[in-house]
Amino acid sequence: MFFARSPGSMDLTRLWVLLALVTVAWGQYGDYGYPYQQYHDYSDDGWVNLNRQGFSYQCPHGQVVVAVRSIFNKKEGSDRQWNYACMPTPQNLGEPTECWWEEINRAGMEWYQTCSNNGLVAGFQSRYFESVLDREWQFYCCRYSKRCPYSCWDRQWKFIMCRMTDYDCEFANV
């Protein structure tokens, strides 16, 4: 999982970089189409936050985030509302062996985020800071056995997606 941010940039390039498991969703369920539309019709879903409000979101146990949607509102503090979709991981990944919250990335600062230990993104926490018109983020990550991402590629808005190995691997992080 990767996310990059430049201070003060609120355009779509800052939208998100997500998902080592869009990785699994696209890599193991097919490389075509947008997984949110394919697996879940979000037309009636509510946002997980209001503008300028904090939130915490976690997928159910054994599921990971497979899609992210946001809407930007300059009039409401140059903030975004967020919506996520989760999906169970493929059976060959098994159950998560451990889950954890990554370090907080401070609002207004440039940052680059990955789930350590080859974890997959299973949730987010965020708080809004009026003084810098920005959010701090914390990712909830889960590791599945000793599986590793591979065959990663860049996607619009700096999403990085990877497939996951069918075997245990020895290296600590991509």
N, C-alpha and C. Protein backbone atom coordinates (compact mmCIF):
# COMPACT_ATOMS: atom_id res chain seq x y z
N MET A 1 0.84 -1.16 0.00
CA MET A 1 0.00 0.00 0.00
C MET A 1 0.88 1.22 0.00
N PHE A 2 0.53 2.18 -0.80
CA PHE A 2 1.35 3.36 -0.97
C PHE A 2 0.46 4.58 -1.06
N PHE A 3 0.88 5.67 -0.43
CA PHE A 3 0.16 6.93 -0.55
C PHE A 3 1.18 8.05 -0.48
N ALA A 4 1.08 9.00 -1.38
CA ALA A 4 2.00 10.13 -1.38
C ALA A 4 1.20 11.41 -1.32
N ARG A 5 1.73 12.40 -0.61
CA ARG A 5 1.04 13.68 -0.49
C ARG A 5 2.06 14.80 -0.47
N SER A 6 1.72 15.87 -1.14
CA SER A 6 2.51 17.10 -1.07
C SER A 6 1.73 18.08 -0.22
N PRO A 7 2.42 18.90 0.60
CA PRO A 7 1.71 19.83 1.46
C PRO A 7 0.81 20.75 0.65
N GLY A 8 -0.43 20.92 1.13
CA GLY A 8 -1.33 21.87 0.53
C GLY A 8 -1.99 21.44 -0.76
N SER A 9 -1.60 20.34 -1.36
CA SER A 9 -2.21 19.94 -2.63
C SER A 9 -3.49 19.19 -2.32
N MET A 10 -4.59 19.69 -2.84
CA MET A 10 -5.88 19.07 -2.56
C MET A 10 -6.53 18.56 -3.84
N ASP A 11 -5.76 18.41 -4.93
CA ASP A 11 -6.36 17.96 -6.17
C ASP A 11 -6.42 16.44 -6.23
N LEU A 12 -6.84 15.91 -7.33
CA LEU A 12 -7.03 14.47 -7.45
C LEU A 12 -5.75 13.67 -7.31
N THR A 13 -4.59 14.28 -7.59
CA THR A 13 -3.36 13.51 -7.44
C THR A 13 -3.15 13.14 -5.99
N ARG A 14 -3.79 13.84 -5.08
CA ARG A 14 -3.68 13.55 -3.67
C ARG A 14 -4.76 12.59 -3.21
N LEU A 15 -5.62 12.21 -4.12
CA LEU A 15 -6.78 11.41 -3.79
C LEU A 15 -6.44 10.18 -2.96
N TRP A 16 -5.65 9.29 -3.49
CA TRP A 16 -5.19 8.14 -2.70
C TRP A 16 -4.30 7.23 -3.49
N VAL A 17 -3.64 6.57 -2.80
CA VAL A 17 -2.83 5.54 -3.32
C VAL A 17 -3.23 4.42 -2.46
N LEU A 18 -3.71 3.48 -3.01
CA LEU A 18 -4.28 2.52 -2.14
C LEU A 18 -4.06 1.17 -2.71
N LEU A 19 -4.07 0.40 -1.97
CA LEU A 19 -4.45 -0.94 -2.03
C LEU A 19 -3.49 -1.93 -2.57
N ALA A 20 -2.92 -2.47 -1.65
CA ALA A 20 -2.22 -3.66 -1.99
C ALA A 20 -3.25 -4.72 -2.30
N LEU A 21 -4.47 -4.52 -1.89
CA LEU A 21 -5.43 -5.57 -2.24
C LEU A 21 -6.26 -5.26 -3.46
N VAL A 22 -6.30 -4.09 -3.89
CA VAL A 22 -6.91 -3.90 -5.20
C VAL A 22 -6.05 -4.79 -6.05
N THR A 23 -4.88 -4.89 -5.58
CA THR A 23 -3.93 -5.87 -5.99
C THR A 23 -4.58 -7.23 -6.14
N VAL A 24 -5.03 -7.75 -5.06
CA VAL A 24 -5.59 -9.08 -5.08
C VAL A 24 -6.90 -9.07 -5.85
N ALA A 25 -7.70 -8.03 -5.66
CA ALA A 25 -9.00 -7.98 -6.33
C ALA A 25 -8.82 -7.97 -7.84
N TRP A 26 -7.96 -7.08 -8.34
CA TRP A 26 -7.77 -7.03 -9.78
C TRP A 26 -6.86 -8.16 -10.24
N GLY A 27 -5.83 -8.43 -9.46
CA GLY A 27 -4.86 -9.43 -9.87
C GLY A 27 -5.42 -10.84 -9.87
N GLN A 28 -6.32 -11.14 -8.94
CA GLN A 28 -6.81 -12.50 -8.86
C GLN A 28 -8.26 -12.65 -9.29
N TYR A 29 -8.99 -11.54 -9.40
CA TYR A 29 -10.37 -11.62 -9.85
C TYR A 29 -10.54 -11.05 -11.24
N GLY A 30 -9.46 -10.65 -11.86
CA GLY A 30 -9.56 -10.13 -13.22
C GLY A 30 -8.98 -8.74 -13.30
N ASP A 31 -8.30 -8.44 -14.39
CA ASP A 31 -7.61 -7.17 -14.55
C ASP A 31 -8.47 -6.10 -15.20
N TYR A 32 -9.74 -6.38 -15.44
CA TYR A 32 -10.57 -5.43 -16.16
C TYR A 32 -11.69 -4.91 -15.28
N GLY A 33 -12.02 -3.65 -15.49
CA GLY A 33 -13.15 -3.08 -14.79
C GLY A 33 -12.78 -2.53 -13.43
N TYR A 34 -13.66 -1.75 -12.92
CA TYR A 34 -13.50 -1.11 -11.62
C TYR A 34 -14.12 -2.02 -10.58
N PRO A 35 -13.37 -2.51 -9.61
CA PRO A 35 -13.90 -3.52 -8.71
C PRO A 35 -15.09 -3.06 -7.89
N TYR A 36 -15.18 -1.78 -7.56
CA TYR A 36 -16.31 -1.29 -6.79
C TYR A 36 -17.60 -1.54 -7.56
N GLN A 37 -17.62 -1.22 -8.84
CA GLN A 37 -18.80 -1.45 -9.65
C GLN A 37 -19.05 -2.94 -9.85
N GLN A 38 -17.98 -3.69 -10.00
CA GLN A 38 -18.11 -5.11 -10.27
C GLN A 38 -18.66 -5.87 -9.06
N TYR A 39 -18.25 -5.49 -7.86
CA TYR A 39 -18.60 -6.25 -6.68
C TYR A 39 -19.61 -5.57 -5.77
N HIS A 40 -19.86 -4.27 -5.97
CA HIS A 40 -20.72 -3.58 -5.03
C HIS A 40 -21.28 -2.33 -5.69
N ASP A 41 -22.57 -2.16 -5.65
CA ASP A 41 -23.19 -0.95 -6.16
C ASP A 41 -23.29 0.02 -4.98
N TYR A 42 -22.49 1.07 -5.00
CA TYR A 42 -22.43 1.99 -3.86
C TYR A 42 -23.38 3.17 -4.00
N SER A 43 -24.29 3.15 -4.95
CA SER A 43 -25.12 4.32 -5.22
C SER A 43 -25.93 4.76 -4.01
N ASP A 44 -26.30 3.86 -3.12
CA ASP A 44 -27.09 4.25 -1.96
C ASP A 44 -26.27 4.32 -0.68
N ASP A 45 -24.97 4.08 -0.76
CA ASP A 45 -24.13 4.11 0.43
C ASP A 45 -23.91 5.53 0.90
N GLY A 46 -23.81 5.70 2.20
CA GLY A 46 -23.48 6.99 2.77
C GLY A 46 -21.98 7.17 2.87
N TRP A 47 -21.57 8.38 3.09
CA TRP A 47 -20.16 8.68 3.30
C TRP A 47 -19.78 8.29 4.72
N VAL A 48 -18.52 7.95 4.95
CA VAL A 48 -18.09 7.58 6.30
C VAL A 48 -17.79 8.81 7.14
N ASN A 49 -17.75 9.98 6.52
CA ASN A 49 -17.49 11.20 7.26
C ASN A 49 -18.25 12.37 6.65
N LEU A 50 -18.36 13.42 7.45
CA LEU A 50 -18.81 14.71 6.96
C LEU A 50 -17.56 15.55 6.73
N ASN A 51 -17.66 16.61 5.94
CA ASN A 51 -16.50 17.48 5.75
C ASN A 51 -16.05 18.03 7.10
N ARG A 52 -14.74 18.11 7.25
CA ARG A 52 -14.10 18.65 8.46
C ARG A 52 -14.31 17.78 9.70
N GLN A 53 -14.73 16.55 9.52
CA GLN A 53 -14.97 15.63 10.64
C GLN A 53 -13.98 14.47 10.58
N GLY A 54 -13.60 13.96 11.72
CA GLY A 54 -12.76 12.78 11.78
C GLY A 54 -13.60 11.53 11.55
N PHE A 55 -12.93 10.42 11.30
CA PHE A 55 -13.63 9.15 11.15
C PHE A 55 -12.68 7.99 11.36
N SER A 56 -13.26 6.84 11.63
CA SER A 56 -12.53 5.59 11.72
C SER A 56 -13.34 4.56 10.95
N TYR A 57 -12.69 3.81 10.08
CA TYR A 57 -13.36 2.83 9.25
C TYR A 57 -12.53 1.55 9.21
N GLN A 58 -13.16 0.41 9.49
CA GLN A 58 -12.50 -0.88 9.39
C GLN A 58 -13.38 -1.86 8.65
N CYS A 59 -12.77 -2.63 7.77
CA CYS A 59 -13.50 -3.71 7.09
C CYS A 59 -13.79 -4.81 8.11
N PRO A 60 -14.81 -5.62 7.86
CA PRO A 60 -15.04 -6.79 8.71
C PRO A 60 -13.82 -7.72 8.69
N HIS A 61 -13.67 -8.53 9.73
CA HIS A 61 -12.54 -9.46 9.82
C HIS A 61 -12.44 -10.32 8.56
N GLY A 62 -11.23 -10.43 8.03
CA GLY A 62 -11.00 -11.25 6.85
C GLY A 62 -11.28 -10.55 5.53
N GLN A 63 -11.62 -9.26 5.60
CA GLN A 63 -11.86 -8.49 4.39
C GLN A 63 -10.85 -7.34 4.31
N VAL A 64 -10.63 -6.85 3.12
CA VAL A 64 -9.73 -5.71 2.91
C VAL A 64 -10.40 -4.70 1.99
N VAL A 65 -9.89 -3.48 2.00
CA VAL A 65 -10.44 -2.42 1.16
C VAL A 65 -10.11 -2.72 -0.30
N VAL A 66 -11.13 -2.65 -1.14
CA VAL A 66 -10.93 -2.89 -2.57
C VAL A 66 -11.30 -1.69 -3.42
N ALA A 67 -11.90 -0.67 -2.82
CA ALA A 67 -12.25 0.52 -3.59
C ALA A 67 -12.38 1.72 -2.67
N VAL A 68 -12.06 2.86 -3.21
CA VAL A 68 -12.13 4.13 -2.48
C VAL A 68 -12.87 5.12 -3.35
N ARG A 69 -13.76 5.88 -2.75
CA ARG A 69 -14.45 6.94 -3.46
C ARG A 69 -14.42 8.17 -2.58
N SER A 70 -14.21 9.34 -3.18
CA SER A 70 -14.24 10.58 -2.40
C SER A 70 -14.82 11.70 -3.25
N ILE A 71 -15.27 12.72 -2.55
CA ILE A 71 -15.77 13.92 -3.22
C ILE A 71 -15.17 15.13 -2.53
N PHE A 72 -14.62 16.04 -3.31
CA PHE A 72 -13.91 17.22 -2.81
C PHE A 72 -14.88 18.39 -2.71
N ASN A 73 -14.74 19.18 -1.63
CA ASN A 73 -15.58 20.35 -1.45
C ASN A 73 -14.72 21.52 -0.96
N LYS A 74 -14.39 22.42 -1.85
CA LYS A 74 -13.54 23.57 -1.50
C LYS A 74 -14.22 24.47 -0.48
N LYS A 75 -15.55 24.63 -0.58
CA LYS A 75 -16.29 25.50 0.34
C LYS A 75 -16.31 24.96 1.76
N GLU A 76 -16.12 23.67 1.92
CA GLU A 76 -16.14 23.05 3.24
C GLU A 76 -14.72 22.75 3.72
N GLY A 77 -13.85 23.72 3.66
CA GLY A 77 -12.50 23.57 4.18
C GLY A 77 -11.56 22.83 3.25
N SER A 78 -11.85 22.83 1.95
CA SER A 78 -11.04 22.08 0.99
C SER A 78 -10.85 20.64 1.47
N ASP A 79 -11.95 20.05 1.89
CA ASP A 79 -11.91 18.70 2.45
C ASP A 79 -12.64 17.73 1.53
N ARG A 80 -12.55 16.45 1.88
CA ARG A 80 -13.21 15.39 1.13
C ARG A 80 -14.09 14.56 2.06
N GLN A 81 -15.16 14.04 1.49
CA GLN A 81 -15.91 12.98 2.13
C GLN A 81 -15.44 11.68 1.49
N TRP A 82 -15.45 10.59 2.29
CA TRP A 82 -14.88 9.32 1.85
C TRP A 82 -15.89 8.19 1.96
N ASN A 83 -15.74 7.22 1.08
CA ASN A 83 -16.54 6.01 1.09
C ASN A 83 -15.63 4.86 0.65
N TYR A 84 -15.77 3.72 1.28
CA TYR A 84 -14.90 2.57 0.99
C TYR A 84 -15.74 1.34 0.75
N ALA A 85 -15.17 0.39 0.02
CA ALA A 85 -15.79 -0.92 -0.15
C ALA A 85 -14.78 -1.98 0.26
N CYS A 86 -15.27 -2.99 0.95
CA CYS A 86 -14.43 -4.10 1.38
C CYS A 86 -14.89 -5.37 0.67
N MET A 87 -14.00 -6.33 0.64
CA MET A 87 -14.32 -7.61 0.03
C MET A 87 -13.48 -8.68 0.72
N PRO A 88 -14.03 -9.88 0.90
CA PRO A 88 -13.23 -10.95 1.49
C PRO A 88 -12.01 -11.24 0.61
N THR A 89 -10.92 -11.60 1.25
CA THR A 89 -9.73 -11.96 0.49
C THR A 89 -9.94 -13.33 -0.15
N PRO A 90 -9.21 -13.63 -1.20
CA PRO A 90 -9.32 -14.97 -1.81
C PRO A 90 -9.02 -16.05 -0.78
N GLN A 91 -9.67 -17.18 -0.89
CA GLN A 91 -9.51 -18.26 0.08
C GLN A 91 -8.07 -18.72 0.24
N ASN A 92 -7.28 -18.66 -0.84
CA ASN A 92 -5.91 -19.15 -0.74
C ASN A 92 -5.03 -18.25 0.14
N LEU A 93 -5.50 -17.06 0.51
CA LEU A 93 -4.74 -16.23 1.45
C LEU A 93 -5.00 -16.63 2.88
N GLY A 94 -6.11 -17.31 3.14
CA GLY A 94 -6.45 -17.75 4.49
C GLY A 94 -6.90 -16.58 5.35
N GLU A 95 -6.78 -16.75 6.65
CA GLU A 95 -7.16 -15.74 7.63
C GLU A 95 -5.98 -14.80 7.89
N PRO A 96 -6.26 -13.57 8.31
CA PRO A 96 -5.14 -12.69 8.65
C PRO A 96 -4.37 -13.24 9.86
N THR A 97 -3.05 -13.18 9.76
CA THR A 97 -2.23 -13.67 10.86
C THR A 97 -1.95 -12.59 11.89
N GLU A 98 -2.05 -11.33 11.48
CA GLU A 98 -1.91 -10.21 12.41
C GLU A 98 -2.45 -8.95 11.75
N CYS A 99 -2.95 -8.03 12.57
CA CYS A 99 -3.44 -6.73 12.09
C CYS A 99 -2.93 -5.65 13.03
N TRP A 100 -2.72 -4.44 12.51
CA TRP A 100 -2.15 -3.36 13.30
C TRP A 100 -2.48 -2.01 12.67
N TRP A 101 -2.37 -0.96 13.48
CA TRP A 101 -2.48 0.41 12.99
C TRP A 101 -1.09 0.93 12.70
N GLU A 102 -0.87 1.44 11.50
CA GLU A 102 0.41 2.04 11.13
C GLU A 102 0.57 3.38 11.85
N GLU A 103 1.75 3.95 11.77
CA GLU A 103 2.01 5.25 12.38
C GLU A 103 1.12 6.32 11.74
N ILE A 104 0.80 7.34 12.51
CA ILE A 104 0.00 8.46 12.00
C ILE A 104 0.86 9.33 11.11
N ASN A 105 0.31 9.72 9.97
CA ASN A 105 0.96 10.68 9.08
C ASN A 105 0.34 12.04 9.32
N ARG A 106 1.15 12.99 9.73
CA ARG A 106 0.67 14.30 10.19
C ARG A 106 0.09 15.16 9.06
N ALA A 107 -0.93 15.91 9.40
CA ALA A 107 -1.58 16.82 8.45
C ALA A 107 -0.60 17.92 8.03
N GLY A 108 -0.70 18.32 6.77
CA GLY A 108 0.13 19.41 6.26
C GLY A 108 1.54 19.02 5.89
N MET A 109 1.90 17.78 6.12
CA MET A 109 3.25 17.31 5.83
C MET A 109 3.25 16.41 4.61
N GLU A 110 4.34 16.41 3.86
CA GLU A 110 4.48 15.48 2.76
C GLU A 110 4.70 14.09 3.33
N TRP A 111 4.11 13.08 2.70
CA TRP A 111 4.31 11.73 3.21
C TRP A 111 4.11 10.66 2.16
N TYR A 112 4.64 9.51 2.49
CA TYR A 112 4.59 8.32 1.64
C TYR A 112 4.18 7.18 2.56
N GLN A 113 3.15 6.45 2.23
CA GLN A 113 2.63 5.44 3.14
C GLN A 113 2.60 4.06 2.50
N THR A 114 3.09 3.09 3.21
CA THR A 114 2.89 1.69 2.83
C THR A 114 2.46 0.94 4.08
N CYS A 115 1.79 -0.17 3.88
CA CYS A 115 1.55 -1.08 5.00
C CYS A 115 2.86 -1.83 5.19
N SER A 116 3.42 -1.77 6.38
CA SER A 116 4.66 -2.49 6.64
C SER A 116 4.40 -3.99 6.61
N ASN A 117 5.47 -4.74 6.54
CA ASN A 117 5.39 -6.20 6.64
C ASN A 117 4.47 -6.81 5.59
N ASN A 118 4.39 -6.18 4.39
CA ASN A 118 3.55 -6.66 3.29
C ASN A 118 2.07 -6.77 3.65
N GLY A 119 1.62 -5.91 4.55
CA GLY A 119 0.22 -5.92 4.94
C GLY A 119 -0.70 -5.39 3.86
N LEU A 120 -1.96 -5.73 3.98
CA LEU A 120 -3.01 -5.26 3.08
C LEU A 120 -3.89 -4.28 3.84
N VAL A 121 -4.40 -3.27 3.18
CA VAL A 121 -5.18 -2.23 3.83
C VAL A 121 -6.57 -2.75 4.18
N ALA A 122 -6.93 -2.64 5.46
CA ALA A 122 -8.23 -3.10 5.93
C ALA A 122 -9.00 -1.99 6.64
N GLY A 123 -8.47 -0.77 6.65
CA GLY A 123 -9.19 0.32 7.28
C GLY A 123 -8.38 1.60 7.33
N PHE A 124 -9.06 2.67 7.79
CA PHE A 124 -8.44 3.99 7.87
C PHE A 124 -8.99 4.74 9.08
N GLN A 125 -8.16 5.62 9.62
CA GLN A 125 -8.60 6.63 10.58
C GLN A 125 -8.10 7.96 10.06
N SER A 126 -8.87 9.01 10.28
CA SER A 126 -8.45 10.31 9.80
C SER A 126 -9.05 11.41 10.66
N ARG A 127 -8.27 12.47 10.85
CA ARG A 127 -8.75 13.68 11.55
C ARG A 127 -8.43 14.88 10.67
N TYR A 128 -9.33 15.85 10.66
CA TYR A 128 -9.17 17.06 9.87
C TYR A 128 -8.61 18.18 10.74
N PHE A 129 -7.70 18.98 10.16
CA PHE A 129 -7.10 20.10 10.87
C PHE A 129 -7.36 21.39 10.10
N GLU A 130 -8.24 22.21 10.65
CA GLU A 130 -8.64 23.48 10.03
C GLU A 130 -7.44 24.39 9.76
N SER A 131 -6.47 24.39 10.67
CA SER A 131 -5.33 25.31 10.56
C SER A 131 -4.50 25.08 9.30
N VAL A 132 -4.47 23.84 8.79
CA VAL A 132 -3.69 23.55 7.58
C VAL A 132 -4.57 23.04 6.43
N LEU A 133 -5.90 23.03 6.66
CA LEU A 133 -6.85 22.54 5.65
C LEU A 133 -6.40 21.19 5.10
N ASP A 134 -6.12 20.29 6.02
CA ASP A 134 -5.60 18.99 5.63
C ASP A 134 -5.97 17.95 6.67
N ARG A 135 -5.75 16.69 6.34
CA ARG A 135 -6.05 15.57 7.22
C ARG A 135 -4.77 14.83 7.61
N GLU A 136 -4.81 14.22 8.79
CA GLU A 136 -3.81 13.23 9.13
C GLU A 136 -4.48 11.88 8.92
N TRP A 137 -3.67 10.89 8.58
CA TRP A 137 -4.19 9.56 8.24
C TRP A 137 -3.46 8.48 9.00
N GLN A 138 -4.16 7.43 9.27
CA GLN A 138 -3.58 6.22 9.85
C GLN A 138 -4.24 5.04 9.16
N PHE A 139 -3.43 4.10 8.71
CA PHE A 139 -3.94 2.93 7.99
C PHE A 139 -3.98 1.72 8.91
N TYR A 140 -5.04 0.93 8.77
CA TYR A 140 -5.17 -0.34 9.46
C TYR A 140 -4.78 -1.43 8.47
N CYS A 141 -3.78 -2.21 8.81
CA CYS A 141 -3.21 -3.18 7.89
C CYS A 141 -3.30 -4.59 8.47
N CYS A 142 -3.45 -5.57 7.61
CA CYS A 142 -3.46 -6.97 8.03
C CYS A 142 -2.52 -7.77 7.14
N ARG A 143 -1.83 -8.70 7.76
CA ARG A 143 -0.91 -9.59 7.04
C ARG A 143 -1.54 -10.96 6.95
N TYR A 144 -1.37 -11.57 5.81
CA TYR A 144 -1.91 -12.90 5.55
C TYR A 144 -0.75 -13.86 5.35
N SER A 145 -0.50 -14.71 6.37
CA SER A 145 0.60 -15.65 6.34
C SER A 145 1.88 -14.89 6.00
N LYS A 146 2.62 -15.40 5.06
CA LYS A 146 3.85 -14.72 4.63
C LYS A 146 3.75 -14.37 3.16
N ARG A 147 2.57 -14.04 2.70
CA ARG A 147 2.36 -13.71 1.29
C ARG A 147 2.93 -12.34 0.97
N CYS A 148 3.37 -12.18 -0.26
CA CYS A 148 4.00 -10.93 -0.68
C CYS A 148 3.39 -10.40 -1.97
N PRO A 149 3.32 -9.08 -2.10
CA PRO A 149 2.87 -8.50 -3.37
C PRO A 149 3.95 -8.65 -4.43
N TYR A 150 3.53 -8.77 -5.69
CA TYR A 150 4.46 -8.83 -6.82
C TYR A 150 3.75 -8.27 -8.03
N SER A 151 4.47 -8.06 -9.11
CA SER A 151 3.90 -7.57 -10.35
C SER A 151 3.08 -6.31 -10.11
N CYS A 152 3.66 -5.36 -9.39
CA CYS A 152 2.96 -4.12 -9.04
C CYS A 152 3.00 -3.14 -10.21
N TRP A 153 1.98 -2.30 -10.31
CA TRP A 153 1.95 -1.28 -11.34
C TRP A 153 1.28 -0.03 -10.80
N ASP A 154 1.61 1.10 -11.40
CA ASP A 154 1.05 2.39 -10.97
C ASP A 154 -0.31 2.60 -11.62
N ARG A 155 -1.16 3.34 -10.97
CA ARG A 155 -2.51 3.60 -11.45
C ARG A 155 -2.78 5.09 -11.25
N GLN A 156 -3.82 5.60 -11.88
CA GLN A 156 -4.12 7.03 -11.72
C GLN A 156 -4.29 7.37 -10.25
N TRP A 157 -4.02 8.60 -9.90
CA TRP A 157 -4.05 9.09 -8.53
C TRP A 157 -3.06 8.34 -7.64
N LYS A 158 -2.05 7.80 -8.25
CA LYS A 158 -0.95 7.14 -7.55
C LYS A 158 -1.35 5.87 -6.80
N PHE A 159 -2.39 5.20 -7.26
CA PHE A 159 -2.68 3.89 -6.72
C PHE A 159 -1.59 2.94 -7.17
N ILE A 160 -1.16 2.08 -6.29
CA ILE A 160 -0.22 1.04 -6.67
C ILE A 160 -0.88 -0.29 -6.35
N MET A 161 -0.95 -1.13 -7.34
CA MET A 161 -1.61 -2.41 -7.17
C MET A 161 -0.62 -3.52 -7.46
N CYS A 162 -0.76 -4.60 -6.72
CA CYS A 162 0.13 -5.74 -6.87
C CYS A 162 -0.69 -7.03 -6.80
N ARG A 163 -0.15 -8.08 -7.37
CA ARG A 163 -0.71 -9.40 -7.15
C ARG A 163 -0.05 -9.95 -5.89
N MET A 164 -0.62 -11.01 -5.31
CA MET A 164 -0.04 -11.62 -4.12
C MET A 164 0.45 -13.02 -4.47
N THR A 165 1.60 -13.39 -3.92
CA THR A 165 2.16 -14.71 -4.20
C THR A 165 1.25 -15.81 -3.66
N ASP A 166 1.35 -16.99 -4.26
CA ASP A 166 0.62 -18.16 -3.78
C ASP A 166 1.48 -18.96 -2.79
N TYR A 167 2.63 -18.43 -2.46
CA TYR A 167 3.57 -19.13 -1.58
C TYR A 167 4.12 -18.13 -0.56
N ASP A 168 4.67 -18.65 0.52
CA ASP A 168 5.30 -17.80 1.53
C ASP A 168 6.59 -17.24 0.94
N CYS A 169 6.90 -16.00 1.29
CA CYS A 169 8.12 -15.39 0.80
C CYS A 169 8.93 -14.86 1.97
N GLU A 170 10.20 -14.62 1.75
CA GLU A 170 11.12 -14.31 2.81
C GLU A 170 11.36 -12.82 3.04
N PHE A 171 11.10 -11.96 2.04
CA PHE A 171 11.44 -10.56 2.25
C PHE A 171 10.38 -9.83 3.05
N ALA A 172 10.80 -8.76 3.73
CA ALA A 172 9.96 -8.08 4.71
C ALA A 172 8.96 -7.11 4.10
N ASN A 173 9.31 -6.40 3.04
CA ASN A 173 8.39 -5.41 2.49
C ASN A 173 8.77 -5.11 1.05
N VAL A 174 7.76 -4.80 0.24
CA VAL A 174 8.00 -4.46 -1.17
C VAL A 174 8.58 -3.09 -1.26
